[in-house]
Protein backbone atom coordinates (compact mmCIF):
# COMPACT_ATOMS: atom_id res chain seq x y z
CA MET A 1 37.65 7.82 47.90
CA ALA A 2 35.43 9.25 45.04
CA ASN A 3 35.62 12.42 46.48
CA ALA A 4 39.45 12.32 46.66
CA ALA A 5 39.54 11.13 42.85
CA ASP A 6 37.43 14.03 41.66
CA ALA A 7 39.52 16.70 43.52
CA VAL A 8 42.35 15.22 41.55
CA ILE A 9 40.74 15.54 38.46
CA LEU A 10 39.23 18.95 39.00
CA GLU A 11 42.53 20.60 40.50
CA PRO A 12 44.20 20.20 37.01
CA GLU A 13 41.41 21.96 34.99
CA ALA A 14 40.87 24.59 37.45
CA ALA A 15 44.86 25.38 37.09
CA ARG A 16 43.96 24.98 33.60
CA ALA A 17 41.33 27.61 33.87
CA ARG A 18 43.18 30.39 35.59
CA PRO A 19 45.33 31.66 32.53
CA ARG A 20 42.11 31.65 30.42
CA ILE A 21 40.57 33.92 33.13
CA TRP A 22 43.19 36.58 32.48
CA TYR A 23 43.99 35.84 28.53
CA PRO A 24 41.44 38.94 27.61
CA TYR A 25 42.65 41.29 29.69
CA LEU A 26 46.26 40.60 28.49
CA LEU A 27 45.21 40.84 25.01
CA ILE A 28 43.48 44.33 25.90
CA ALA A 29 46.80 45.43 28.04
CA PRO A 30 48.61 47.09 25.61
CA SER A 31 45.86 48.94 24.00
CA MET A 32 44.90 50.15 27.62
CA ILE A 33 48.63 51.23 28.41
CA THR A 34 49.01 52.98 25.69
CA LEU A 35 45.57 55.43 25.93
CA THR A 36 46.48 55.50 29.78
CA VAL A 37 49.89 57.37 28.95
CA VAL A 38 48.87 59.14 25.75
CA SER A 39 45.45 60.39 26.72
CA LEU A 40 44.37 59.70 30.80
CA ILE A 41 47.46 61.08 32.21
CA PRO A 42 47.69 64.52 29.81
CA PHE A 43 43.91 65.04 30.41
CA LEU A 44 44.55 64.76 33.98
CA TYR A 45 47.32 67.14 34.31
CA THR A 46 45.26 69.24 31.77
CA ALA A 47 42.53 69.53 34.81
CA TYR A 48 45.09 70.05 37.04
CA ILE A 49 46.46 73.00 35.38
CA SER A 50 43.10 74.63 34.75
CA VAL A 51 42.64 75.10 38.09
CA HIS A 52 45.96 76.94 38.48
CA ALA A 53 47.88 80.38 37.28
CA ALA A 54 49.57 79.43 34.36
CA LYS A 55 51.34 81.61 32.09
CA PHE A 56 54.32 81.47 29.88
CA GLY A 57 54.77 77.88 30.75
CA ARG A 58 54.76 78.09 34.60
CA VAL A 59 52.03 76.50 36.77
CA THR A 60 51.82 78.66 40.05
CA ASP A 61 49.30 79.29 42.54
CA PHE A 62 45.84 77.40 42.82
CA VAL A 63 42.92 79.72 41.65
CA GLY A 64 39.89 77.33 41.62
CA PHE A 65 37.73 78.05 38.82
CA ALA A 66 38.91 81.55 38.07
CA ASN A 67 40.19 80.49 34.53
CA TYR A 68 36.78 78.93 33.76
CA ALA A 69 35.12 82.14 35.03
CA GLN A 70 37.54 84.34 32.78
CA LEU A 71 36.80 82.00 29.84
CA LEU A 72 33.58 82.15 30.08
CA ASN A 73 33.29 85.62 30.36
CA ASP A 74 35.36 85.93 27.13
CA PRO A 75 33.56 86.91 23.96
CA ARG A 76 36.05 85.39 21.78
CA PHE A 77 35.35 81.91 23.40
CA TRP A 78 31.34 82.41 22.14
CA ASN A 79 32.43 83.10 19.11
CA SER A 80 34.28 80.55 18.58
CA LEU A 81 31.68 78.31 19.45
CA SER A 82 29.13 79.96 17.48
CA VAL A 83 31.68 79.32 14.30
CA ALA A 84 31.92 75.94 15.41
CA ALA A 85 27.97 74.86 15.79
CA VAL A 86 27.53 77.30 12.31
CA PHE A 87 30.10 75.04 10.89
CA VAL A 88 29.32 71.56 11.95
CA CYS A 89 25.21 72.15 11.38
CA ILE A 90 25.60 73.03 7.85
CA SER A 91 29.08 70.92 7.03
CA VAL A 92 28.10 67.36 8.80
CA PRO A 93 24.06 67.17 7.49
CA ILE A 94 25.02 68.08 3.92
CA GLU A 95 28.21 65.26 3.90
CA PHE A 96 25.64 62.63 5.39
CA MET A 97 22.91 63.26 2.70
CA LEU A 98 25.10 63.13 -0.15
CA GLY A 99 27.06 60.50 1.43
CA LEU A 100 23.73 58.32 1.72
CA VAL A 101 22.64 59.49 -1.75
CA GLY A 102 25.81 58.62 -3.23
CA ALA A 103 26.24 55.07 -1.57
CA LEU A 104 22.62 54.25 -2.70
CA VAL A 105 23.70 55.05 -6.40
CA LEU A 106 27.12 53.19 -6.30
CA ASN A 107 25.20 50.25 -4.88
CA GLN A 108 23.39 49.78 -8.08
CA ASN A 109 25.82 48.04 -9.90
CA VAL A 110 27.10 51.28 -11.63
CA ARG A 111 29.60 50.54 -14.88
CA GLY A 112 32.97 51.35 -13.52
CA ARG A 113 32.54 50.67 -10.11
CA GLY A 114 35.64 49.46 -9.55
CA VAL A 115 37.49 52.99 -10.52
CA ILE A 116 35.06 54.98 -9.08
CA VAL A 117 35.44 53.69 -5.51
CA PRO A 118 39.51 54.45 -5.34
CA LEU A 119 38.99 57.47 -7.13
CA LEU A 120 36.33 58.84 -4.58
CA PHE A 121 38.56 58.30 -1.74
CA MET A 122 41.33 60.67 -3.04
CA PRO A 123 39.94 63.80 -0.93
CA THR A 124 39.93 61.89 2.37
CA MET A 125 43.58 60.54 1.53
CA MET A 126 45.07 63.81 1.04
CA ALA A 127 47.04 65.65 3.58
CA PRO A 128 45.07 68.52 5.18
CA ILE A 129 48.07 70.97 4.14
CA VAL A 130 47.68 69.72 0.49
CA VAL A 131 43.85 70.20 0.65
CA GLY A 132 44.58 73.42 2.06
CA LEU A 133 46.89 74.97 -0.70
CA LEU A 134 44.91 73.43 -3.60
CA TRP A 135 41.60 75.31 -2.54
CA LYS A 136 43.53 78.28 -1.75
CA ILE A 137 44.74 78.49 -5.18
CA MET A 138 41.22 77.50 -6.41
CA LEU A 139 39.38 80.52 -4.28
CA ALA A 140 42.47 82.84 -5.10
CA GLY A 141 41.40 86.65 -5.55
CA SER A 142 41.04 87.34 -9.24
CA TRP A 143 43.27 84.30 -10.63
CA GLY A 144 41.85 81.29 -8.77
CA LEU A 145 40.01 78.91 -11.29
CA ILE A 146 36.42 79.14 -9.32
CA SER A 147 36.88 83.03 -7.87
CA PHE A 148 37.56 84.10 -11.74
CA ASN A 149 35.19 81.74 -13.28
CA VAL A 150 32.33 81.72 -10.76
CA LEU A 151 32.32 84.03 -7.99
CA GLU A 152 33.18 87.23 -9.84
CA ARG A 153 31.14 86.32 -13.05
CA PHE A 154 27.98 86.14 -11.12
CA ASN A 155 29.58 89.45 -9.16
CA LEU A 156 29.32 87.21 -5.63
CA ILE A 157 32.91 88.18 -4.72
CA GLY A 158 34.98 91.17 -6.12
CA GLU A 159 38.82 90.93 -6.24
CA THR A 160 39.69 89.07 -3.02
CA SER A 161 40.08 85.53 -1.95
CA ALA A 162 36.71 83.98 -0.38
CA PHE A 163 38.70 83.19 2.56
CA ALA A 164 39.31 87.07 2.82
CA SER A 165 35.50 87.98 2.85
CA PRO A 166 34.30 88.33 6.15
CA THR A 167 30.86 86.95 4.55
CA PHE A 168 31.97 83.87 2.57
CA ALA A 169 35.21 83.00 4.55
CA LEU A 170 33.51 80.49 6.77
CA TYR A 171 31.21 79.05 4.12
CA ALA A 172 34.30 78.50 1.84
CA LEU A 173 35.68 76.61 4.45
CA ILE A 174 32.59 74.56 4.84
CA PHE A 175 32.54 74.14 1.01
CA VAL A 176 35.83 72.36 1.56
CA ASP A 177 34.95 70.41 4.24
CA VAL A 178 32.33 68.67 2.09
CA TRP A 179 34.50 68.52 -0.87
CA GLN A 180 37.10 66.33 1.44
CA TRP A 181 35.10 64.51 3.65
CA THR A 182 31.51 63.84 1.52
CA PRO A 183 33.53 60.84 -0.10
CA PHE A 184 34.20 59.31 3.18
CA MET A 185 30.91 58.97 4.21
CA MET A 186 29.70 58.01 0.96
CA LEU A 187 32.19 54.88 1.10
CA ALA A 188 31.28 53.90 4.61
CA PHE A 189 27.76 53.93 3.78
CA PHE A 190 28.21 51.96 0.75
CA ALA A 191 30.07 49.30 3.04
CA GLY A 192 27.20 49.25 4.94
CA LEU A 193 24.81 48.41 2.26
CA GLN A 194 27.34 45.73 0.61
CA ALA A 195 26.89 44.07 4.17
CA LEU A 196 23.24 43.75 4.39
CA PRO A 197 21.45 40.47 3.96
CA LEU A 198 19.86 39.92 0.95
CA GLY A 199 16.46 37.84 2.29
CA PRO A 200 14.72 40.87 3.28
CA TYR A 201 15.04 42.26 -0.06
CA ARG A 202 13.91 39.06 -1.83
CA ALA A 203 10.91 38.82 0.40
CA ALA A 204 9.91 42.32 -0.19
CA ALA A 205 10.34 41.98 -3.99
CA VAL A 206 8.05 38.99 -3.94
CA ASP A 207 5.46 40.95 -1.42
CA GLY A 208 5.74 43.86 -4.34
CA ALA A 209 7.16 46.15 -2.42
CA SER A 210 7.85 49.90 -3.77
CA THR A 211 11.34 51.12 -3.85
CA LEU A 212 10.81 54.00 -1.47
CA MET A 213 8.83 51.37 0.99
CA VAL A 214 12.08 48.95 0.50
CA PHE A 215 14.22 52.11 1.71
CA PHE A 216 12.48 53.39 4.69
CA LYS A 217 11.27 49.82 5.87
CA ILE A 218 14.48 47.71 5.26
CA THR A 219 17.36 49.32 4.43
CA LEU A 220 17.37 52.59 6.72
CA PRO A 221 16.23 50.49 9.42
CA MET A 222 19.35 48.06 9.05
CA MET A 223 21.53 50.90 8.45
CA THR A 224 20.48 52.98 11.59
CA PRO A 225 23.58 51.64 13.88
CA LEU A 226 26.09 52.40 10.86
CA LEU A 227 24.21 55.80 10.28
CA VAL A 228 24.35 56.94 13.80
CA VAL A 229 28.21 55.73 14.70
CA ILE A 230 29.37 57.43 11.50
CA GLY A 231 27.52 60.63 12.04
CA LEU A 232 28.89 60.95 15.57
CA LEU A 233 32.55 60.42 14.45
CA ARG A 234 31.90 63.14 11.76
CA PHE A 235 30.18 65.30 14.10
CA ILE A 236 32.91 65.28 16.62
CA ASP A 237 35.38 65.53 14.17
CA ALA A 238 34.08 68.55 12.47
CA PHE A 239 33.60 70.32 15.77
CA LYS A 240 37.52 69.87 16.14
CA VAL A 241 38.54 70.98 12.97
CA PHE A 242 41.76 72.71 13.04
CA ASP A 243 44.07 72.26 10.31
CA THR A 244 42.73 73.46 7.06
CA VAL A 245 41.09 76.34 9.13
CA TYR A 246 44.77 76.97 10.24
CA ILE A 247 46.44 76.93 6.53
CA LEU A 248 43.61 78.60 4.61
CA THR A 249 42.44 81.55 6.79
CA GLY A 250 44.19 81.36 10.38
CA GLY A 251 40.79 82.18 12.21
CA GLY A 252 40.34 85.21 9.92
CA PRO A 253 39.54 87.82 8.62
CA GLY A 254 39.49 88.88 12.22
CA ILE A 255 37.70 86.07 14.15
CA ALA A 256 35.52 85.50 11.67
CA THR A 257 36.13 81.72 11.12
CA GLU A 258 37.95 81.40 14.13
CA THR A 259 37.20 77.58 15.59
CA PRO A 260 37.44 76.78 19.17
CA SER A 261 40.58 74.36 18.38
CA LEU A 262 42.26 77.51 16.83
CA PHE A 263 40.98 79.73 19.58
CA ALA A 264 42.92 77.42 22.30
CA ASN A 265 45.83 77.10 20.02
CA LYS A 266 45.98 80.82 19.77
CA MET A 267 45.57 81.25 23.33
CA THR A 268 48.55 78.54 24.44
CA PHE A 269 51.15 78.90 21.99
CA GLU A 270 50.50 83.04 20.96
CA PHE A 271 48.98 84.18 24.44
CA TRP A 272 51.00 81.36 26.70
CA ASN A 273 47.87 81.57 28.84
CA LEU A 274 48.03 77.89 29.46
CA GLY A 275 45.40 78.03 32.74
CA GLU A 276 42.52 79.19 30.17
CA SER A 277 43.41 77.15 27.44
CA SER A 278 43.21 74.28 29.94
CA ALA A 279 40.08 75.01 31.37
CA MET A 280 38.59 75.02 27.36
CA ALA A 281 39.80 71.69 26.84
CA VAL A 282 38.20 70.35 30.13
CA LEU A 283 34.93 72.37 29.52
CA VAL A 284 34.68 71.21 25.96
CA TRP A 285 35.36 67.45 27.00
CA ILE A 286 32.72 67.47 29.83
CA ALA A 287 30.31 69.14 27.04
CA PHE A 288 30.88 66.14 24.47
CA PHE A 289 31.12 63.36 27.49
CA ALA A 290 27.43 64.72 28.10
CA PHE A 291 26.41 65.13 24.87
CA CYS A 292 27.76 61.71 23.76
CA ASN A 293 25.93 60.01 26.88
CA VAL A 294 22.76 61.68 25.83
CA PHE A 295 22.99 60.98 22.12
CA TYR A 296 24.03 57.31 22.97
CA GLN A 297 20.81 56.45 25.14
CA VAL A 298 18.26 58.41 22.52
CA ALA A 299 19.96 56.12 19.88
CA LYS A 300 19.69 53.18 21.91
CA LYS A 301 15.91 53.67 22.94
CA ARG A 302 14.39 55.51 20.04
CA LEU A 303 16.75 54.06 17.05
CA ASN A 304 17.62 50.80 18.63
CA ALA A 305 21.02 51.58 17.32
CA PHE A 306 23.24 50.28 20.31
């Protein structure tokens, strides 16, 4: 009799527990469905196109890895990767360091911080086309504010735009990217500093720790997860840069500033070579997937960031 009574009591509890099992899945279902529709299905179709002959909007015969082989033998593909490597390896570390230094300064109860912080975010909030037009005017040849007062005055460039110079065009794009995204890094790091607990700093003050020791022994270790995540996201975003390059140089002069995104765009919408552009998309995805996995493992084991 006791067992039967227990069963009667447990059955309603089990029935009430069943909806709870599915509740988390119901919460993430809209996001998962959206990601599947807008990301997974297009990527699978891109992989399908990459192994077929696809030109001028028509997908025809299966060609295996011919598109990949043709792409890897294309000098413009390797040039675009080298341009992206230079762009990322210069702009992201500068943005990272300036952002961290700026965040540390803002964290020192700077007077007028309530006004400075919103103003700093303005470059990041500006649309890429506005940023492009702004700096196209600022660095315009012979009459641009910076071109006339700095570049020409110190004989760094002649009567032409910095974006038309094979030597300076890429560095001008890097300068624009640093101007636009350093405030984002700064504010992200500043938010992280504001969220740090005060207990370790009070203990360090009691022990008489120096400012540098506090930074390297307390602030930096506690900020490592945020630094790693923001750095990785900015690295990926900088590699994919398209809009500002498209507006300011269009990949020129020649192919001096042609990034992978711009090269893929030209292959797709100018040459209508969908097979090679799809192969490029798949290769870049594979490279980033491998890089992010290695980065995650290293950050997890060496930096305790995850």
